[in-house]
C-alpha atoms as a PDB file:
ATOM      1  CA  UNK A   1     -17.618   8.591  -2.193  1.00  0.00           C
ATOM      2  CA  UNK A   2     -15.259   8.907  -5.163  1.00  0.00           C
ATOM      3  CA  UNK A   3     -13.090   5.801  -5.333  1.00  0.00           C
ATOM      4  CA  UNK A   4      -9.495   5.904  -6.493  1.00  0.00           C
ATOM      5  CA  UNK A   5      -8.876   3.501  -9.361  1.00  0.00           C
ATOM      6  CA  UNK A   6      -6.231   2.241 -11.769  1.00  0.00           C
ATOM      7  CA  UNK A   7      -7.081   1.835 -15.428  1.00  0.00           C
ATOM      8  CA  UNK A   8      -5.433  -0.707 -17.717  1.00  0.00           C
ATOM      9  CA  UNK A   9      -6.305  -0.205 -21.376  1.00  0.00           C
ATOM     10  CA  UNK A  10      -8.461   2.349 -23.190  1.00  0.00           C
ATOM     11  CA  UNK A  11     -12.060   2.645 -22.006  1.00  0.00           C
ATOM     12  CA  UNK A  12     -13.051   4.636 -25.075  1.00  0.00           C
ATOM     13  CA  UNK A  13     -11.866   1.871 -27.382  1.00  0.00           C
ATOM     14  CA  UNK A  14     -13.372  -1.012 -25.381  1.00  0.00           C
ATOM     15  CA  UNK A  15     -15.429  -3.326 -27.593  1.00  0.00           C
ATOM     16  CA  UNK A  16     -16.875  -5.262 -24.652  1.00  0.00           C
ATOM     17  CA  UNK A  17     -17.739  -4.489 -21.022  1.00  0.00           C
ATOM     18  CA  UNK A  18     -14.635  -3.646 -18.970  1.00  0.00           C
ATOM     19  CA  UNK A  19     -13.447  -5.998 -16.273  1.00  0.00           C
ATOM     20  CA  UNK A  20     -13.667  -4.485 -12.786  1.00  0.00           C
ATOM     21  CA  UNK A  21     -11.123  -6.187 -10.507  1.00  0.00           C
ATOM     22  CA  UNK A  22     -11.897  -5.943  -6.786  1.00  0.00           C
ATOM     23  CA  UNK A  23      -9.382  -6.678  -4.027  1.00  0.00           C
ATOM     24  CA  UNK A  24      -9.937  -8.360  -0.674  1.00  0.00           C
ATOM     25  CA  UNK A  25      -9.883  -7.162   2.922  1.00  0.00           C
ATOM     26  CA  UNK A  26      -6.698  -5.237   3.797  1.00  0.00           C
ATOM     27  CA  UNK A  27      -5.698  -5.280   0.134  1.00  0.00           C
ATOM     28  CA  UNK A  28      -5.657  -2.637  -2.599  1.00  0.00           C
ATOM     29  CA  UNK A  29      -5.828  -2.193  -6.347  1.00  0.00           C
ATOM     30  CA  UNK A  30      -2.114  -3.012  -6.538  1.00  0.00           C
ATOM     31  CA  UNK A  31      -2.944  -6.654  -5.738  1.00  0.00           C
ATOM     32  CA  UNK A  32      -4.105  -7.071  -9.335  1.00  0.00           C
ATOM     33  CA  UNK A  33      -0.999  -5.497 -10.913  1.00  0.00           C
ATOM     34  CA  UNK A  34       0.266  -8.881 -12.096  1.00  0.00           C
ATOM     35  CA  UNK A  35      -3.059  -9.998 -13.577  1.00  0.00           C
ATOM     36  CA  UNK A  36      -4.535  -6.868 -15.183  1.00  0.00           C
ATOM     37  CA  UNK A  37      -1.816  -6.412 -17.860  1.00  0.00           C
ATOM     38  CA  UNK A  38      -2.227 -10.063 -18.867  1.00  0.00           C
ATOM     39  CA  UNK A  39      -5.947  -9.484 -19.379  1.00  0.00           C
ATOM     40  CA  UNK A  40      -5.244  -6.368 -21.446  1.00  0.00           C
ATOM     41  CA  UNK A  41      -3.023  -8.507 -23.694  1.00  0.00           C
ATOM     42  CA  UNK A  42      -6.119 -10.613 -24.376  1.00  0.00           C
ATOM     43  CA  UNK A  43      -8.165  -7.608 -25.486  1.00  0.00           C
ATOM     44  CA  UNK A  44      -9.815  -6.619 -22.217  1.00  0.00           C
ATOM     45  CA  UNK A  45      -9.898  -3.271 -20.426  1.00  0.00           C
ATOM     46  CA  UNK A  46      -9.459  -3.446 -16.649  1.00  0.00           C
ATOM     47  CA  UNK A  47     -10.850  -0.989 -14.120  1.00  0.00           C
ATOM     48  CA  UNK A  48      -9.261  -1.623 -10.719  1.00  0.00           C
ATOM     49  CA  UNK A  49     -10.568   0.466  -7.798  1.00  0.00           C
ATOM     50  CA  UNK A  50      -9.481   0.724  -4.201  1.00  0.00           C
ATOM     51  CA  UNK A  51     -12.546  -0.078  -2.102  1.00  0.00           C
ATOM     52  CA  UNK A  52     -13.550   2.348   0.659  1.00  0.00           C
ATOM     53  CA  UNK A  53     -11.176   2.475   3.633  1.00  0.00           C
ATOM     54  CA  UNK A  54      -8.476   0.844   1.488  1.00  0.00           C
ATOM     55  CA  UNK A  55      -5.635   2.034  -0.705  1.00  0.00           C
ATOM     56  CA  UNK A  56      -5.936   5.617  -1.894  1.00  0.00           C
ATOM     57  CA  UNK A  57      -9.737   5.749  -1.673  1.00  0.00           C
ATOM     58  CA  UNK A  58     -11.423   7.905   0.993  1.00  0.00           C
ATOM     59  CA  UNK A  59     -11.870   6.671   4.536  1.00  0.00           C
ATOM     60  CA  UNK A  60     -15.238   6.589   6.245  1.00  0.00           C
ATOM     61  CA  UNK A  61     -16.700   5.408   9.551  1.00  0.00           C
ATOM     62  CA  UNK A  62     -19.067   2.977   7.799  1.00  0.00           C
ATOM     63  CA  UNK A  63     -18.220  -0.268   6.027  1.00  0.00           C
ATOM     64  CA  UNK A  64     -20.667  -2.789   4.569  1.00  0.00           C
ATOM     65  CA  UNK A  65     -21.499  -4.379   1.230  1.00  0.00           C
ATOM     66  CA  UNK A  66     -24.452  -2.155   0.256  1.00  0.00           C
ATOM     67  CA  UNK A  67     -22.175   0.863   0.742  1.00  0.00           C
ATOM     68  CA  UNK A  68     -19.371  -0.753  -1.253  1.00  0.00           C
ATOM     69  CA  UNK A  69     -21.777  -1.609  -4.079  1.00  0.00           C
ATOM     70  CA  UNK A  70     -23.066   1.966  -4.014  1.00  0.00           C
ATOM     71  CA  UNK A  71     -19.508   3.272  -4.313  1.00  0.00           C
ATOM     72  CA  UNK A  72     -18.920   1.021  -7.319  1.00  0.00           C
ATOM     73  CA  UNK A  73     -22.175   2.091  -8.950  1.00  0.00           C
ATOM     74  CA  UNK A  74     -21.151   5.741  -8.544  1.00  0.00           C
ATOM     75  CA  UNK A  75     -17.818   4.953 -10.185  1.00  0.00           C
ATOM     76  CA  UNK A  76     -19.591   3.362 -13.154  1.00  0.00           C
ATOM     77  CA  UNK A  77     -21.861   6.390 -13.470  1.00  0.00           C
ATOM     78  CA  UNK A  78     -18.944   8.817 -13.303  1.00  0.00           C
ATOM     79  CA  UNK A  79     -17.131   6.908 -16.045  1.00  0.00           C
ATOM     80  CA  UNK A  80     -20.365   6.546 -18.055  1.00  0.00           C
ATOM     81  CA  UNK A  81     -20.092   2.760 -18.150  1.00  0.00           C
ATOM     82  CA  UNK A  82     -23.320   0.899 -18.844  1.00  0.00           C
ATOM     83  CA  UNK A  83     -22.003  -2.500 -17.752  1.00  0.00           C
ATOM     84  CA  UNK A  84     -18.913  -4.140 -16.302  1.00  0.00           C
ATOM     85  CA  UNK A  85     -17.763  -7.626 -15.429  1.00  0.00           C
ATOM     86  CA  UNK A  86     -16.936  -7.504 -11.705  1.00  0.00           C
ATOM     87  CA  UNK A  87     -14.187  -9.947 -10.745  1.00  0.00           C
ATOM     88  CA  UNK A  88     -13.730  -9.927  -6.996  1.00  0.00           C
ATOM     89  CA  UNK A  89     -11.491 -11.819  -4.614  1.00  0.00           C
ATOM     90  CA  UNK A  90     -12.570 -12.558  -1.026  1.00  0.00           C
ATOM     91  CA  UNK A  91     -14.238  -9.404   0.370  1.00  0.00           C
ATOM     92  CA  UNK A  92     -14.126  -7.997  -3.156  1.00  0.00           C
ATOM     93  CA  UNK A  93     -16.071 -11.040  -4.353  1.00  0.00           C
ATOM     94  CA  UNK A  94     -18.864 -10.311  -1.894  1.00  0.00           C
ATOM     95  CA  UNK A  95     -18.907  -6.680  -3.034  1.00  0.00           C
ATOM     96  CA  UNK A  96     -19.124  -7.931  -6.634  1.00  0.00           C
ATOM     97  CA  UNK A  97     -21.963 -10.313  -5.740  1.00  0.00           C
ATOM     98  CA  UNK A  98     -23.905  -7.557  -4.002  1.00  0.00           C
ATOM     99  CA  UNK A  99     -23.425  -5.253  -6.984  1.00  0.00           C
ATOM    100  CA  UNK A 100     -24.848  -7.970  -9.247  1.00  0.00           C
ATOM    101  CA  UNK A 101     -27.767  -8.694  -6.935  1.00  0.00           C
ATOM    102  CA  UNK A 102     -28.634  -5.029  -6.371  1.00  0.00           C
ATOM    103  CA  UNK A 103     -27.872  -3.505  -9.780  1.00  0.00           C
ATOM    104  CA  UNK A 104     -28.165  -6.442 -12.160  1.00  0.00           C
ATOM    105  CA  UNK A 105     -28.589  -4.251 -15.235  1.00  0.00           C
ATOM    106  CA  UNK A 106     -25.064  -2.874 -14.719  1.00  0.00           C
ATOM    107  CA  UNK A 107     -23.402  -6.304 -14.555  1.00  0.00           C
ATOM    108  CA  UNK A 108     -22.706  -8.260 -17.735  1.00  0.00           C
ATOM    109  CA  UNK A 109     -21.476 -11.338 -15.873  1.00  0.00           C
ATOM    110  CA  UNK A 110     -19.808 -12.036 -12.540  1.00  0.00           C
ATOM    111  CA  UNK A 111     -16.669 -13.768 -11.282  1.00  0.00           C
ATOM    112  CA  UNK A 112     -16.259 -14.525  -7.565  1.00  0.00           C
ATOM    113  CA  UNK A 113     -12.805 -15.736  -6.549  1.00  0.00           C
ATOM    114  CA  UNK A 114     -12.665 -18.061  -3.534  1.00  0.00           C
ATOM    115  CA  UNK A 115     -15.775 -16.722  -1.853  1.00  0.00           C
ATOM    116  CA  UNK A 116     -19.453 -17.649  -1.518  1.00  0.00           C
ATOM    117  CA  UNK A 117     -22.516 -15.593  -0.471  1.00  0.00           C
ATOM    118  CA  UNK A 118     -22.432 -17.050   3.036  1.00  0.00           C
ATOM    119  CA  UNK A 119     -20.687 -16.132   6.308  1.00  0.00           C
ATOM    120  CA  UNK A 120     -16.924 -16.617   6.015  1.00  0.00           C
ATOM    121  CA  UNK A 121     -14.608 -18.214   8.571  1.00  0.00           C
ATOM    122  CA  UNK A 122     -13.139 -15.632  10.936  1.00  0.00           C
ATOM    123  CA  UNK A 123      -9.380 -15.784  10.501  1.00  0.00           C
ATOM    124  CA  UNK A 124      -8.865 -12.058  10.828  1.00  0.00           C
ATOM    125  CA  UNK A 125      -9.087 -11.429  14.564  1.00  0.00           C
ATOM    126  CA  UNK A 126      -5.433 -12.389  15.216  1.00  0.00           C
ATOM    127  CA  UNK A 127      -4.424 -10.342  12.174  1.00  0.00           C
ATOM    128  CA  UNK A 128      -6.143  -7.207  13.429  1.00  0.00           C
ATOM    129  CA  UNK A 129      -4.805  -7.824  16.930  1.00  0.00           C
ATOM    130  CA  UNK A 130      -1.260  -7.977  15.559  1.00  0.00           C
ATOM    131  CA  UNK A 131      -1.639  -4.902  13.359  1.00  0.00           C
ATOM    132  CA  UNK A 132      -3.320  -2.766  16.004  1.00  0.00           C
ATOM    133  CA  UNK A 133      -0.718  -3.683  18.607  1.00  0.00           C
ATOM    134  CA  UNK A 134       2.142  -2.506  16.382  1.00  0.00           C
ATOM    135  CA  UNK A 135       3.483   0.762  17.845  1.00  0.00           C
ATOM    136  CA  UNK A 136       4.009   2.918  14.778  1.00  0.00           C
ATOM    137  CA  UNK A 137       5.981   5.478  16.770  1.00  0.00           C
ATOM    138  CA  UNK A 138       8.576   2.931  17.833  1.00  0.00           C
ATOM    139  CA  UNK A 139       9.388   1.100  14.616  1.00  0.00           C
ATOM    140  CA  UNK A 140      12.228   2.436  12.489  1.00  0.00           C
ATOM    141  CA  UNK A 141      11.806   0.339   9.343  1.00  0.00           C
ATOM    142  CA  UNK A 142       9.448  -1.965   7.475  1.00  0.00           C
ATOM    143  CA  UNK A 143      11.806  -4.832   8.324  1.00  0.00           C
ATOM    144  CA  UNK A 144      11.367  -4.140  12.024  1.00  0.00           C
ATOM    145  CA  UNK A 145       7.595  -4.150  11.568  1.00  0.00           C
ATOM    146  CA  UNK A 146       7.778  -7.507   9.790  1.00  0.00           C
ATOM    147  CA  UNK A 147       9.904  -8.973  12.572  1.00  0.00           C
ATOM    148  CA  UNK A 148       7.289  -7.885  15.089  1.00  0.00           C
ATOM    149  CA  UNK A 149       4.425  -9.351  13.052  1.00  0.00           C
ATOM    150  CA  UNK A 150       6.356 -12.605  12.602  1.00  0.00           C
ATOM    151  CA  UNK A 151       5.927 -13.260  16.319  1.00  0.00           C
ATOM    152  CA  UNK A 152       2.195 -13.849  15.801  1.00  0.00           C
ATOM    153  CA  UNK A 153       1.723 -14.278  12.023  1.00  0.00           C
ATOM    154  CA  UNK A 154       3.742 -17.191  10.651  1.00  0.00           C
ATOM    155  CA  UNK A 155       3.112 -16.755   6.919  1.00  0.00           C
ATOM    156  CA  UNK A 156       5.688 -14.553   5.130  1.00  0.00           C
ATOM    157  CA  UNK A 157       3.244 -14.110   2.232  1.00  0.00           C
ATOM    158  CA  UNK A 158       0.552 -12.843   4.604  1.00  0.00           C
ATOM    159  CA  UNK A 159       2.964 -10.448   6.301  1.00  0.00           C
ATOM    160  CA  UNK A 160       4.052  -8.974   2.971  1.00  0.00           C
ATOM    161  CA  UNK A 161       0.414  -8.607   1.937  1.00  0.00           C
ATOM    162  CA  UNK A 162      -0.370  -6.718   5.143  1.00  0.00           C
ATOM    163  CA  UNK A 163       2.741  -4.564   5.104  1.00  0.00           C
ATOM    164  CA  UNK A 164       1.850  -3.094   1.725  1.00  0.00           C
ATOM    165  CA  UNK A 165      -0.431  -0.922   3.868  1.00  0.00           C
ATOM    166  CA  UNK A 166       2.400   0.455   6.016  1.00  0.00           C
ATOM    167  CA  UNK A 167       3.611   3.824   4.776  1.00  0.00           C
ATOM    168  CA  UNK A 168       6.215   6.241   6.104  1.00  0.00           C
ATOM    169  CA  UNK A 169       4.744   9.293   7.813  1.00  0.00           C
ATOM    170  CA  UNK A 170       6.428  12.592   8.543  1.00  0.00           C
ATOM    171  CA  UNK A 171       9.139  13.098  11.153  1.00  0.00           C
ATOM    172  CA  UNK A 172       6.590  13.493  13.935  1.00  0.00           C
ATOM    173  CA  UNK A 173       4.315  10.594  12.972  1.00  0.00           C
ATOM    174  CA  UNK A 174       6.809   7.879  12.078  1.00  0.00           C
ATOM    175  CA  UNK A 175       4.797   5.309  10.128  1.00  0.00           C
ATOM    176  CA  UNK A 176       1.099   5.155   9.279  1.00  0.00           C
ATOM    177  CA  UNK A 177      -1.460   2.681   7.989  1.00  0.00           C
ATOM    178  CA  UNK A 178      -2.962   3.297   4.567  1.00  0.00           C
ATOM    179  CA  UNK A 179      -6.088   1.316   5.505  1.00  0.00           C
ATOM    180  CA  UNK A 180      -8.616   2.436   8.105  1.00  0.00           C
ATOM    181  CA  UNK A 181      -7.703  -0.330  10.543  1.00  0.00           C
ATOM    182  CA  UNK A 182     -10.006   0.555  13.424  1.00  0.00           C
ATOM    183  CA  UNK A 183     -13.086   0.939  11.241  1.00  0.00           C
ATOM    184  CA  UNK A 184     -12.352  -2.336   9.449  1.00  0.00           C
ATOM    185  CA  UNK A 185     -11.816  -4.088  12.768  1.00  0.00           C
ATOM    186  CA  UNK A 186     -15.108  -2.731  14.117  1.00  0.00           C
ATOM    187  CA  UNK A 187     -16.931  -3.795  10.933  1.00  0.00           C
ATOM    188  CA  UNK A 188     -15.320  -7.236  10.739  1.00  0.00           C
ATOM    189  CA  UNK A 189     -18.508  -9.130  11.616  1.00  0.00           C
ATOM    190  CA  UNK A 190     -20.389  -7.421   8.771  1.00  0.00           C
ATOM    191  CA  UNK A 191     -17.509  -7.972   6.345  1.00  0.00           C
ATOM    192  CA  UNK A 192     -17.352 -11.687   7.100  1.00  0.00           C
ATOM    193  CA  UNK A 193     -21.134 -12.042   6.850  1.00  0.00           C
ATOM    194  CA  UNK A 194     -23.350 -11.527   3.795  1.00  0.00           C
ATOM    195  CA  UNK A 195     -26.179  -8.951   3.801  1.00  0.00           C
ATOM    196  CA  UNK A 196     -29.850  -9.883   4.287  1.00  0.00           C
ATOM    197  CA  UNK A 197     -31.483 -10.878   1.026  1.00  0.00           C
ATOM    198  CA  UNK A 198     -34.959  -9.404   1.573  1.00  0.00           C
ATOM    199  CA  UNK A 199     -34.668  -6.674  -1.062  1.00  0.00           C
ATOM    200  CA  UNK A 200     -32.766  -8.500  -3.819  1.00  0.00           C
ATOM    201  CA  UNK A 201     -33.565 -11.108  -6.453  1.00  0.00           C
ATOM    202  CA  UNK A 202     -31.384 -13.805  -7.956  1.00  0.00           C
ATOM    203  CA  UNK A 203     -28.884 -12.642 -10.569  1.00  0.00           C
ATOM    204  CA  UNK A 204     -29.894 -14.131 -13.918  1.00  0.00           C
ATOM    205  CA  UNK A 205     -26.593 -13.573 -15.708  1.00  0.00           C
ATOM    206  CA  UNK A 206     -23.602 -15.846 -16.128  1.00  0.00           C
ATOM    207  CA  UNK A 207     -21.425 -16.317 -13.056  1.00  0.00           C
ATOM    208  CA  UNK A 208     -18.203 -18.149 -12.307  1.00  0.00           C
ATOM    209  CA  UNK A 209     -17.201 -19.129  -8.785  1.00  0.00           C
ATOM    210  CA  UNK A 210     -13.498 -19.852  -9.111  1.00  0.00           C
ATOM    211  CA  UNK A 211     -11.961 -21.222  -5.937  1.00  0.00           C
ATOM    212  CA  UNK A 212      -8.800 -22.790  -4.595  1.00  0.00           C
ATOM    213  CA  UNK A 213      -8.954 -26.571  -4.329  1.00  0.00           C
ATOM    214  CA  UNK A 214      -6.992 -26.327  -1.077  1.00  0.00           C
ATOM    215  CA  UNK A 215      -9.176 -23.578   0.390  1.00  0.00           C
ATOM    216  CA  UNK A 216     -12.378 -24.028   2.394  1.00  0.00           C
ATOM    217  CA  UNK A 217     -14.065 -20.692   1.652  1.00  0.00           C
ATOM    218  CA  UNK A 218     -16.223 -22.412  -0.998  1.00  0.00           C
ATOM    219  CA  UNK A 219     -17.573 -25.853  -0.112  1.00  0.00           C
ATOM    220  CA  UNK A 220     -20.393 -28.267  -0.839  1.00  0.00           C
ATOM    221  CA  UNK A 221     -22.296 -26.606   2.011  1.00  0.00           C
ATOM    222  CA  UNK A 222     -22.175 -23.220   0.273  1.00  0.00           C
ATOM    223  CA  UNK A 223     -23.218 -24.567  -3.157  1.00  0.00           C
ATOM    224  CA  UNK A 224     -26.996 -24.329  -2.490  1.00  0.00           C
ATOM    225  CA  UNK A 225     -26.675 -20.639  -1.557  1.00  0.00           C
ATOM    226  CA  UNK A 226     -24.691 -19.988  -4.718  1.00  0.00           C
ATOM    227  CA  UNK A 227     -27.233 -21.826  -6.860  1.00  0.00           C
ATOM    228  CA  UNK A 228     -30.168 -20.012  -5.266  1.00  0.00           C
ATOM    229  CA  UNK A 229     -28.733 -16.508  -5.801  1.00  0.00           C
ATOM    230  CA  UNK A 230     -26.799 -17.214  -9.011  1.00  0.00           C
ATOM    231  CA  UNK A 231     -28.776 -19.924 -10.844  1.00  0.00           C
ATOM    232  CA  UNK A 232     -26.502 -19.831 -13.905  1.00  0.00           C
ATOM    233  CA  UNK A 233     -23.306 -20.207 -11.888  1.00  0.00           C
ATOM    234  CA  UNK A 234     -20.431 -22.509 -12.673  1.00  0.00           C
ATOM    235  CA  UNK A 235     -18.132 -23.649  -9.877  1.00  0.00           C
ATOM    236  CA  UNK A 236     -14.556 -24.447 -10.789  1.00  0.00           C
ATOM    237  CA  UNK A 237     -11.684 -25.457  -8.514  1.00  0.00           C
ATOM    238  CA  UNK A 238      -8.096 -24.437  -9.250  1.00  0.00           C
ATOM    239  CA  UNK A 239      -5.748 -27.310  -8.294  1.00  0.00           C
ATOM    240  CA  UNK A 240      -2.868 -26.425  -6.020  1.00  0.00           C
ATOM    241  CA  UNK A 241      -4.377 -23.111  -4.930  1.00  0.00           C
ATOM    242  CA  UNK A 242      -5.503 -21.961  -1.518  1.00  0.00           C
ATOM    243  CA  UNK A 243      -7.348 -18.722  -0.815  1.00  0.00           C
ATOM    244  CA  UNK A 244      -4.928 -16.583  -2.872  1.00  0.00           C
ATOM    245  CA  UNK A 245      -5.889 -18.247  -6.137  1.00  0.00           C
ATOM    246  CA  UNK A 246      -4.606 -15.642  -8.591  1.00  0.00           C
ATOM    247  CA  UNK A 247      -1.293 -15.265  -6.734  1.00  0.00           C
ATOM    248  CA  UNK A 248      -0.639 -18.962  -6.072  1.00  0.00           C
ATOM    249  CA  UNK A 249      -1.688 -20.340  -9.475  1.00  0.00           C
ATOM    250  CA  UNK A 250      -1.790 -17.357 -11.850  1.00  0.00           C
ATOM    251  CA  UNK A 251      -1.628 -19.358 -15.089  1.00  0.00           C
ATOM    252  CA  UNK A 252      -4.445 -21.712 -14.120  1.00  0.00           C
ATOM    253  CA  UNK A 253      -6.447 -18.767 -12.792  1.00  0.00           C
ATOM    254  CA  UNK A 254      -6.059 -16.831 -16.038  1.00  0.00           C
ATOM    255  CA  UNK A 255      -6.892 -19.857 -18.172  1.00  0.00           C
ATOM    256  CA  UNK A 256     -10.133 -20.503 -16.278  1.00  0.00           C
ATOM    257  CA  UNK A 257     -11.059 -16.822 -16.236  1.00  0.00           C
ATOM    258  CA  UNK A 258     -10.415 -16.253 -19.937  1.00  0.00           C
ATOM    259  CA  UNK A 259     -12.322 -19.399 -20.844  1.00  0.00           C
ATOM    260  CA  UNK A 260     -15.344 -18.076 -18.947  1.00  0.00           C
ATOM    261  CA  UNK A 261     -15.063 -14.584 -20.428  1.00  0.00           C
ATOM    262  CA  UNK A 262     -14.955 -16.035 -23.947  1.00  0.00           C
ATOM    263  CA  UNK A 263     -18.163 -18.030 -23.472  1.00  0.00           C
ATOM    264  CA  UNK A 264     -21.080 -16.594 -25.397  1.00  0.00           C
ATOM    265  CA  UNK A 265     -24.119 -18.665 -24.540  1.00  0.00           C
ATOM    266  CA  UNK A 266     -25.669 -18.756 -21.103  1.00  0.00           C
ATOM    267  CA  UNK A 267     -25.519 -22.274 -19.611  1.00  0.00           C
ATOM    268  CA  UNK A 268     -28.400 -24.108 -18.087  1.00  0.00           C
ATOM    269  CA  UNK A 269     -28.492 -23.691 -14.303  1.00  0.00           C
ATOM    270  CA  UNK A 270     -25.978 -26.092 -12.842  1.00  0.00           C
ATOM    271  CA  UNK A 271     -23.217 -26.536 -10.318  1.00  0.00           C
ATOM    272  CA  UNK A 272     -20.224 -28.389 -11.711  1.00  0.00           C
END
């Protein structure tokens, strides 16, 4: 599968491994549009793909982390990139982790944003129920779609995030979803889980697990799994942030991220 991607900066002039920013479930590469230019200002090149069944990338009947990591590896090969720094949020963080665990030689270091290599809480069933129940033939505007979703999804921020996937169709089709909703819904259990670890070894590179202090996706219970798979990991909480760390506290997120990217020496294994 050939993933669609956005490129910020000049790959040919990159003096260090590019940053590969990976979005979460029901997101797209556009989610990083506020962060990527800021990273370019600091001398980084950013490669920002749409993961399979999302954005402008191809749709497929299959959806799991080994497939997503394979897609990313193919993208690196096509662009002739020896290494990248995957920076993933939520589902994108698990894809980044699996890339590091499966193809460690292609990963310089890793950043996982508000996610751990453990099963995640299932908060998506009501979201998929709401999206799949929306009659795309009957709505006349994005505003009408938001009003319908507001009946079951209280958060305006969440609704706007979801509605980025609603696109106008032709005169016969009305509106259409940019994401492959039914495949993602069917694969939700696999997306929330983490793959079996039989065939992978711990990633021996630097890793940062950057999470929202007000989120519960990363907890003391998940720390042992992080330490086992990523023995050189640092854990850092971002005050005032929930799950959407880079959107809720962008300055603190960037400060923590840039500090990690500027570190040269590998730390001793620790969780802090």
